[in-house]
C-alpha atoms as a PDB file:
ATOM      1  CA  UNK A   1      72.432 157.765-240.191  1.00  0.00           C
ATOM      2  CA  UNK A   2      73.959 155.200-238.150  1.00  0.00           C
ATOM      3  CA  UNK A   3      75.072 151.781-239.590  1.00  0.00           C
ATOM      4  CA  UNK A   4      74.635 148.014-238.320  1.00  0.00           C
ATOM      5  CA  UNK A   5      77.419 145.609-239.949  1.00  0.00           C
ATOM      6  CA  UNK A   6      75.642 142.239-240.212  1.00  0.00           C
ATOM      7  CA  UNK A   7      77.448 138.946-240.657  1.00  0.00           C
ATOM      8  CA  UNK A   8      75.913 136.465-242.782  1.00  0.00           C
ATOM      9  CA  UNK A   9      76.472 132.800-243.229  1.00  0.00           C
ATOM     10  CA  UNK A  10      73.435 131.400-245.208  1.00  0.00           C
ATOM     11  CA  UNK A  11      71.811 132.546-248.320  1.00  0.00           C
ATOM     12  CA  UNK A  12      68.084 134.020-247.400  1.00  0.00           C
ATOM     13  CA  UNK A  13      69.195 134.499-243.995  1.00  0.00           C
ATOM     14  CA  UNK A  14      68.423 138.151-242.413  1.00  0.00           C
ATOM     15  CA  UNK A  15      68.031 139.754-239.106  1.00  0.00           C
ATOM     16  CA  UNK A  16      64.218 139.316-239.422  1.00  0.00           C
ATOM     17  CA  UNK A  17      62.361 141.514-236.809  1.00  0.00           C
ATOM     18  CA  UNK A  18      65.229 143.468-236.066  1.00  0.00           C
ATOM     19  CA  UNK A  19      65.447 145.014-239.443  1.00  0.00           C
ATOM     20  CA  UNK A  20      62.314 146.811-238.239  1.00  0.00           C
ATOM     21  CA  UNK A  21      63.954 148.064-235.083  1.00  0.00           C
ATOM     22  CA  UNK A  22      66.747 149.514-237.139  1.00  0.00           C
ATOM     23  CA  UNK A  23      64.472 151.290-239.356  1.00  0.00           C
ATOM     24  CA  UNK A  24      63.006 152.810-236.310  1.00  0.00           C
ATOM     25  CA  UNK A  25      66.136 154.112-234.891  1.00  0.00           C
ATOM     26  CA  UNK A  26      67.735 155.190-238.255  1.00  0.00           C
ATOM     27  CA  UNK A  27      70.134 152.249-238.529  1.00  0.00           C
ATOM     28  CA  UNK A  28      71.040 151.148-241.978  1.00  0.00           C
ATOM     29  CA  UNK A  29      72.232 147.529-242.224  1.00  0.00           C
ATOM     30  CA  UNK A  30      74.939 146.367-244.553  1.00  0.00           C
ATOM     31  CA  UNK A  31      75.460 142.534-244.943  1.00  0.00           C
ATOM     32  CA  UNK A  32      78.640 140.891-245.265  1.00  0.00           C
ATOM     33  CA  UNK A  33      78.146 137.557-247.022  1.00  0.00           C
ATOM     34  CA  UNK A  34      81.056 135.663-245.098  1.00  0.00           C
ATOM     35  CA  UNK A  35      79.964 132.296-246.646  1.00  0.00           C
ATOM     36  CA  UNK A  36      80.841 133.669-250.191  1.00  0.00           C
ATOM     37  CA  UNK A  37      84.012 135.263-249.353  1.00  0.00           C
ATOM     38  CA  UNK A  38      83.193 138.732-248.958  1.00  0.00           C
ATOM     39  CA  UNK A  39      85.731 140.498-246.749  1.00  0.00           C
ATOM     40  CA  UNK A  40      84.907 142.115-243.438  1.00  0.00           C
ATOM     41  CA  UNK A  41      84.988 145.784-243.606  1.00  0.00           C
ATOM     42  CA  UNK A  42      87.179 148.036-241.274  1.00  0.00           C
ATOM     43  CA  UNK A  43      84.883 147.985-238.193  1.00  0.00           C
ATOM     44  CA  UNK A  44      85.453 151.579-237.118  1.00  0.00           C
ATOM     45  CA  UNK A  45      82.462 153.511-238.924  1.00  0.00           C
ATOM     46  CA  UNK A  46      79.800 151.132-237.539  1.00  0.00           C
ATOM     47  CA  UNK A  47      77.485 151.349-234.778  1.00  0.00           C
ATOM     48  CA  UNK A  48      76.015 148.116-234.316  1.00  0.00           C
ATOM     49  CA  UNK A  49      77.236 144.375-235.137  1.00  0.00           C
ATOM     50  CA  UNK A  50      74.502 141.837-235.754  1.00  0.00           C
ATOM     51  CA  UNK A  51      75.511 138.100-236.446  1.00  0.00           C
ATOM     52  CA  UNK A  52      73.152 135.805-237.551  1.00  0.00           C
ATOM     53  CA  UNK A  53      73.049 132.101-237.508  1.00  0.00           C
ATOM     54  CA  UNK A  54      74.040 129.251-239.931  1.00  0.00           C
ATOM     55  CA  UNK A  55      74.704 125.761-240.737  1.00  0.00           C
ATOM     56  CA  UNK A  56      78.427 125.946-240.077  1.00  0.00           C
ATOM     57  CA  UNK A  57      79.763 124.916-236.693  1.00  0.00           C
ATOM     58  CA  UNK A  58      82.363 127.003-234.970  1.00  0.00           C
ATOM     59  CA  UNK A  59      85.036 124.468-234.800  1.00  0.00           C
ATOM     60  CA  UNK A  60      84.825 124.076-238.706  1.00  0.00           C
ATOM     61  CA  UNK A  61      88.064 126.342-239.509  1.00  0.00           C
ATOM     62  CA  UNK A  62      89.228 123.949-242.088  1.00  0.00           C
ATOM     63  CA  UNK A  63      85.874 123.830-243.940  1.00  0.00           C
ATOM     64  CA  UNK A  64      85.323 127.525-243.371  1.00  0.00           C
ATOM     65  CA  UNK A  65      88.407 129.341-242.900  1.00  0.00           C
ATOM     66  CA  UNK A  66      86.557 133.128-242.821  1.00  0.00           C
ATOM     67  CA  UNK A  67      85.500 131.612-239.226  1.00  0.00           C
ATOM     68  CA  UNK A  68      89.045 132.597-238.085  1.00  0.00           C
ATOM     69  CA  UNK A  69      88.679 136.217-239.092  1.00  0.00           C
ATOM     70  CA  UNK A  70      84.864 136.553-238.039  1.00  0.00           C
ATOM     71  CA  UNK A  71      85.844 135.728-234.781  1.00  0.00           C
ATOM     72  CA  UNK A  72      88.950 138.147-234.222  1.00  0.00           C
ATOM     73  CA  UNK A  73      86.466 140.647-235.387  1.00  0.00           C
ATOM     74  CA  UNK A  74      83.832 139.811-232.841  1.00  0.00           C
ATOM     75  CA  UNK A  75      86.640 140.102-230.138  1.00  0.00           C
ATOM     76  CA  UNK A  76      87.759 143.535-231.133  1.00  0.00           C
ATOM     77  CA  UNK A  77      84.027 144.818-231.243  1.00  0.00           C
ATOM     78  CA  UNK A  78      83.063 143.568-228.151  1.00  0.00           C
ATOM     79  CA  UNK A  79      86.404 143.774-226.036  1.00  0.00           C
ATOM     80  CA  UNK A  80      88.288 146.561-227.546  1.00  0.00           C
ATOM     81  CA  UNK A  81      85.663 148.543-229.033  1.00  0.00           C
ATOM     82  CA  UNK A  82      82.770 147.963-226.508  1.00  0.00           C
ATOM     83  CA  UNK A  83      79.885 148.591-229.180  1.00  0.00           C
ATOM     84  CA  UNK A  84      76.421 147.342-229.418  1.00  0.00           C
ATOM     85  CA  UNK A  85      76.599 143.604-230.330  1.00  0.00           C
ATOM     86  CA  UNK A  86      73.783 140.963-230.857  1.00  0.00           C
ATOM     87  CA  UNK A  87      74.575 137.528-231.937  1.00  0.00           C
ATOM     88  CA  UNK A  88      71.695 134.650-232.440  1.00  0.00           C
ATOM     89  CA  UNK A  89      72.299 130.796-232.618  1.00  0.00           C
ATOM     90  CA  UNK A  90      75.876 130.805-234.539  1.00  0.00           C
ATOM     91  CA  UNK A  91      76.352 134.316-233.535  1.00  0.00           C
ATOM     92  CA  UNK A  92      75.762 133.365-230.050  1.00  0.00           C
ATOM     93  CA  UNK A  93      78.422 130.236-230.140  1.00  0.00           C
ATOM     94  CA  UNK A  94      80.803 132.663-231.999  1.00  0.00           C
ATOM     95  CA  UNK A  95      80.697 135.258-229.377  1.00  0.00           C
ATOM     96  CA  UNK A  96      81.466 132.510-226.972  1.00  0.00           C
ATOM     97  CA  UNK A  97      84.143 131.098-228.600  1.00  0.00           C
ATOM     98  CA  UNK A  98      85.588 134.487-229.576  1.00  0.00           C
ATOM     99  CA  UNK A  99      86.164 135.289-225.788  1.00  0.00           C
ATOM    100  CA  UNK A 100      87.688 132.206-224.662  1.00  0.00           C
ATOM    101  CA  UNK A 101      84.419 129.869-223.990  1.00  0.00           C
ATOM    102  CA  UNK A 102      83.900 126.736-225.456  1.00  0.00           C
ATOM    103  CA  UNK A 103      81.099 125.021-228.055  1.00  0.00           C
ATOM    104  CA  UNK A 104      80.339 121.778-228.980  1.00  0.00           C
ATOM    105  CA  UNK A 105      77.618 119.548-230.376  1.00  0.00           C
ATOM    106  CA  UNK A 106      74.343 119.587-227.877  1.00  0.00           C
ATOM    107  CA  UNK A 107      73.511 117.231-225.769  1.00  0.00           C
ATOM    108  CA  UNK A 108      70.012 117.820-226.478  1.00  0.00           C
ATOM    109  CA  UNK A 109      69.069 119.247-229.959  1.00  0.00           C
ATOM    110  CA  UNK A 110      66.695 122.019-229.953  1.00  0.00           C
ATOM    111  CA  UNK A 111      64.345 122.129-233.262  1.00  0.00           C
ATOM    112  CA  UNK A 112      60.859 123.864-232.963  1.00  0.00           C
ATOM    113  CA  UNK A 113      59.208 125.682-230.285  1.00  0.00           C
ATOM    114  CA  UNK A 114      60.718 125.246-226.512  1.00  0.00           C
ATOM    115  CA  UNK A 115      60.432 127.145-223.240  1.00  0.00           C
ATOM    116  CA  UNK A 116      63.709 129.208-221.937  1.00  0.00           C
ATOM    117  CA  UNK A 117      63.576 130.680-218.554  1.00  0.00           C
ATOM    118  CA  UNK A 118      65.613 133.727-217.128  1.00  0.00           C
ATOM    119  CA  UNK A 119      68.559 132.332-214.817  1.00  0.00           C
ATOM    120  CA  UNK A 120      68.965 134.669-211.424  1.00  0.00           C
ATOM    121  CA  UNK A 121      71.640 136.767-213.275  1.00  0.00           C
ATOM    122  CA  UNK A 122      69.188 137.418-216.344  1.00  0.00           C
ATOM    123  CA  UNK A 123      66.113 138.491-213.741  1.00  0.00           C
ATOM    124  CA  UNK A 124      68.836 141.452-212.241  1.00  0.00           C
ATOM    125  CA  UNK A 125      70.484 142.038-215.719  1.00  0.00           C
ATOM    126  CA  UNK A 126      69.912 145.210-217.186  1.00  0.00           C
ATOM    127  CA  UNK A 127      69.475 143.463-220.724  1.00  0.00           C
ATOM    128  CA  UNK A 128      66.598 141.561-219.590  1.00  0.00           C
ATOM    129  CA  UNK A 129      64.711 144.291-217.597  1.00  0.00           C
ATOM    130  CA  UNK A 130      61.150 144.121-217.938  1.00  0.00           C
ATOM    131  CA  UNK A 131      61.086 140.348-218.919  1.00  0.00           C
ATOM    132  CA  UNK A 132      59.028 137.723-217.303  1.00  0.00           C
ATOM    133  CA  UNK A 133      60.763 134.646-216.089  1.00  0.00           C
ATOM    134  CA  UNK A 134      59.542 132.232-218.953  1.00  0.00           C
ATOM    135  CA  UNK A 135      59.324 132.659-222.590  1.00  0.00           C
ATOM    136  CA  UNK A 136      58.315 130.347-225.673  1.00  0.00           C
ATOM    137  CA  UNK A 137      60.899 130.888-228.352  1.00  0.00           C
ATOM    138  CA  UNK A 138      61.990 129.198-231.749  1.00  0.00           C
ATOM    139  CA  UNK A 139      64.581 126.850-231.793  1.00  0.00           C
ATOM    140  CA  UNK A 140      67.063 125.307-234.356  1.00  0.00           C
ATOM    141  CA  UNK A 141      70.249 124.409-233.601  1.00  0.00           C
ATOM    142  CA  UNK A 142      72.583 121.238-233.107  1.00  0.00           C
ATOM    143  CA  UNK A 143      75.586 122.528-231.072  1.00  0.00           C
ATOM    144  CA  UNK A 144      75.466 124.714-227.995  1.00  0.00           C
ATOM    145  CA  UNK A 145      77.878 126.538-225.550  1.00  0.00           C
ATOM    146  CA  UNK A 146      79.303 124.309-223.344  1.00  0.00           C
ATOM    147  CA  UNK A 147      81.470 126.842-221.240  1.00  0.00           C
ATOM    148  CA  UNK A 148      80.745 130.486-221.546  1.00  0.00           C
ATOM    149  CA  UNK A 149      83.439 132.733-221.423  1.00  0.00           C
ATOM    150  CA  UNK A 150      84.753 134.105-218.211  1.00  0.00           C
ATOM    151  CA  UNK A 151      83.377 137.495-218.409  1.00  0.00           C
ATOM    152  CA  UNK A 152      80.064 136.510-219.787  1.00  0.00           C
ATOM    153  CA  UNK A 153      76.734 136.172-217.646  1.00  0.00           C
ATOM    154  CA  UNK A 154      74.153 133.624-218.560  1.00  0.00           C
ATOM    155  CA  UNK A 155      70.956 135.313-218.744  1.00  0.00           C
ATOM    156  CA  UNK A 156      68.526 132.101-219.872  1.00  0.00           C
ATOM    157  CA  UNK A 157      68.527 128.705-219.842  1.00  0.00           C
ATOM    158  CA  UNK A 158      66.158 125.575-221.158  1.00  0.00           C
ATOM    159  CA  UNK A 159      65.566 122.393-219.572  1.00  0.00           C
ATOM    160  CA  UNK A 160      68.236 120.878-222.621  1.00  0.00           C
ATOM    161  CA  UNK A 161      70.464 123.837-222.902  1.00  0.00           C
ATOM    162  CA  UNK A 162      71.893 125.674-220.011  1.00  0.00           C
ATOM    163  CA  UNK A 163      73.205 128.279-221.615  1.00  0.00           C
ATOM    164  CA  UNK A 164      70.464 130.273-223.915  1.00  0.00           C
ATOM    165  CA  UNK A 165      71.519 133.831-223.573  1.00  0.00           C
ATOM    166  CA  UNK A 166      74.700 135.602-222.834  1.00  0.00           C
ATOM    167  CA  UNK A 167      75.700 138.972-221.913  1.00  0.00           C
ATOM    168  CA  UNK A 168      78.832 140.865-221.839  1.00  0.00           C
ATOM    169  CA  UNK A 169      78.762 143.818-219.557  1.00  0.00           C
ATOM    170  CA  UNK A 170      75.597 146.137-221.008  1.00  0.00           C
ATOM    171  CA  UNK A 171      76.806 146.339-224.466  1.00  0.00           C
ATOM    172  CA  UNK A 172      76.969 142.841-226.064  1.00  0.00           C
ATOM    173  CA  UNK A 173      74.413 139.950-225.939  1.00  0.00           C
ATOM    174  CA  UNK A 174      73.293 136.864-227.811  1.00  0.00           C
ATOM    175  CA  UNK A 175      70.545 133.855-227.939  1.00  0.00           C
ATOM    176  CA  UNK A 176      70.965 130.441-228.664  1.00  0.00           C
ATOM    177  CA  UNK A 177      67.484 130.752-229.571  1.00  0.00           C
ATOM    178  CA  UNK A 178      66.356 132.569-232.988  1.00  0.00           C
ATOM    179  CA  UNK A 179      64.533 135.495-231.635  1.00  0.00           C
ATOM    180  CA  UNK A 180      64.746 137.185-235.042  1.00  0.00           C
ATOM    181  CA  UNK A 181      62.194 134.936-236.350  1.00  0.00           C
ATOM    182  CA  UNK A 182      59.087 136.579-237.580  1.00  0.00           C
ATOM    183  CA  UNK A 183      55.828 135.143-239.334  1.00  0.00           C
ATOM    184  CA  UNK A 184      57.357 136.284-242.786  1.00  0.00           C
ATOM    185  CA  UNK A 185      60.801 134.541-241.808  1.00  0.00           C
ATOM    186  CA  UNK A 186      58.754 131.140-241.404  1.00  0.00           C
ATOM    187  CA  UNK A 187      56.561 131.461-244.431  1.00  0.00           C
ATOM    188  CA  UNK A 188      59.547 132.226-246.525  1.00  0.00           C
ATOM    189  CA  UNK A 189      60.631 128.503-245.771  1.00  0.00           C
ATOM    190  CA  UNK A 190      57.768 127.305-248.039  1.00  0.00           C
ATOM    191  CA  UNK A 191      59.332 128.595-251.142  1.00  0.00           C
ATOM    192  CA  UNK A 192      62.680 126.894-249.909  1.00  0.00           C
ATOM    193  CA  UNK A 193      62.588 122.994-250.087  1.00  0.00           C
ATOM    194  CA  UNK A 194      66.086 122.608-248.606  1.00  0.00           C
ATOM    195  CA  UNK A 195      64.644 124.091-245.403  1.00  0.00           C
ATOM    196  CA  UNK A 196      61.642 121.893-245.378  1.00  0.00           C
ATOM    197  CA  UNK A 197      63.795 118.960-245.922  1.00  0.00           C
ATOM    198  CA  UNK A 198      66.077 119.956-243.014  1.00  0.00           C
ATOM    199  CA  UNK A 199      63.040 120.453-240.763  1.00  0.00           C
ATOM    200  CA  UNK A 200      61.602 117.047-241.747  1.00  0.00           C
ATOM    201  CA  UNK A 201      64.785 115.300-241.284  1.00  0.00           C
ATOM    202  CA  UNK A 202      64.759 116.381-237.291  1.00  0.00           C
ATOM    203  CA  UNK A 203      60.829 116.665-236.593  1.00  0.00           C
ATOM    204  CA  UNK A 204      59.561 114.016-239.297  1.00  0.00           C
ATOM    205  CA  UNK A 205      57.090 114.307-242.127  1.00  0.00           C
ATOM    206  CA  UNK A 206      54.756 117.075-242.264  1.00  0.00           C
ATOM    207  CA  UNK A 207      56.942 119.121-239.847  1.00  0.00           C
ATOM    208  CA  UNK A 208      56.607 122.234-241.548  1.00  0.00           C
ATOM    209  CA  UNK A 209      52.820 122.877-241.011  1.00  0.00           C
ATOM    210  CA  UNK A 210      52.881 121.822-237.492  1.00  0.00           C
ATOM    211  CA  UNK A 211      55.412 124.460-236.865  1.00  0.00           C
ATOM    212  CA  UNK A 212      53.512 126.913-238.533  1.00  0.00           C
ATOM    213  CA  UNK A 213      50.405 126.163-236.673  1.00  0.00           C
ATOM    214  CA  UNK A 214      51.992 125.995-233.311  1.00  0.00           C
ATOM    215  CA  UNK A 215      54.477 129.086-233.568  1.00  0.00           C
ATOM    216  CA  UNK A 216      52.032 131.629-235.420  1.00  0.00           C
ATOM    217  CA  UNK A 217      50.021 132.284-232.357  1.00  0.00           C
ATOM    218  CA  UNK A 218      53.251 132.628-230.227  1.00  0.00           C
ATOM    219  CA  UNK A 219      54.927 135.075-232.796  1.00  0.00           C
ATOM    220  CA  UNK A 220      53.141 138.602-231.122  1.00  0.00           C
ATOM    221  CA  UNK A 221      54.683 137.421-227.410  1.00  0.00           C
ATOM    222  CA  UNK A 222      58.235 136.405-229.105  1.00  0.00           C
ATOM    223  CA  UNK A 223      58.180 139.929-230.603  1.00  0.00           C
ATOM    224  CA  UNK A 224      57.582 141.615-227.306  1.00  0.00           C
ATOM    225  CA  UNK A 225      60.217 139.485-225.747  1.00  0.00           C
ATOM    226  CA  UNK A 226      62.956 140.407-228.440  1.00  0.00           C
ATOM    227  CA  UNK A 227      61.661 144.073-228.894  1.00  0.00           C
ATOM    228  CA  UNK A 228      62.513 144.438-225.043  1.00  0.00           C
ATOM    229  CA  UNK A 229      66.002 142.723-225.137  1.00  0.00           C
ATOM    230  CA  UNK A 230      66.665 145.118-228.111  1.00  0.00           C
ATOM    231  CA  UNK A 231      65.354 148.244-226.574  1.00  0.00           C
ATOM    232  CA  UNK A 232      67.441 147.517-223.227  1.00  0.00           C
ATOM    233  CA  UNK A 233      70.750 146.950-225.303  1.00  0.00           C
ATOM    234  CA  UNK A 234      70.078 150.369-227.353  1.00  0.00           C
ATOM    235  CA  UNK A 235      69.562 152.210-224.432  1.00  0.00           C
ATOM    236  CA  UNK A 236      71.845 150.799-222.037  1.00  0.00           C
ATOM    237  CA  UNK A 237      74.926 151.222-224.920  1.00  0.00           C
ATOM    238  CA  UNK A 238      73.402 154.890-225.487  1.00  0.00           C
ATOM    239  CA  UNK A 239      73.112 154.048-229.134  1.00  0.00           C
ATOM    240  CA  UNK A 240      69.554 155.430-228.695  1.00  0.00           C
ATOM    241  CA  UNK A 241      69.398 158.619-226.605  1.00  0.00           C
END
């Protein structure tokens, strides 16, 4: 059995549809709840690193000192070990800062369903192979990558956020958008008042049922996009023979 290390930053958060992909490929996920002080283990035994989103910001090291060690682990994994990596939202931003990029508050905050488009680099990159030019995705973020790392290629952008997806060679990729979200993810928010309150703070009263109605019909196409990116990553890295 292969093993995936999952860096978790919030309670109830998980890799969503990637868990189905892991199960199909015989990959067992092991979560490290960094926000509760759990230590990052030795990286050597693991085959895949998945870094989730979170309410924290990359520059909040005083409030969340574990960010320092997490960034170091990401750098070791991606640059020294060159093993398969996928990051979403905060995991996307941490990849950028771990490799020398810059993250700051977003000029245009995205919460809800938005369009992203493949860049010219994205259209020709192996990790985006088989994807069409424009996609509907789920977003929930207040910060953005302002300057990608020198060694990164920008794979996708939106009208508000130029850096929506990154690749490091063919073994690491990340998305600002939440490609891991599933119908089950969104349904789970109905039992978590804090999520509903946060959504309404940004989108107004009644935001949750409106988002459900808008996003559910789009979930199959979102799943196909995510599946393609994952398949491209595991085949490019040889994780799936």
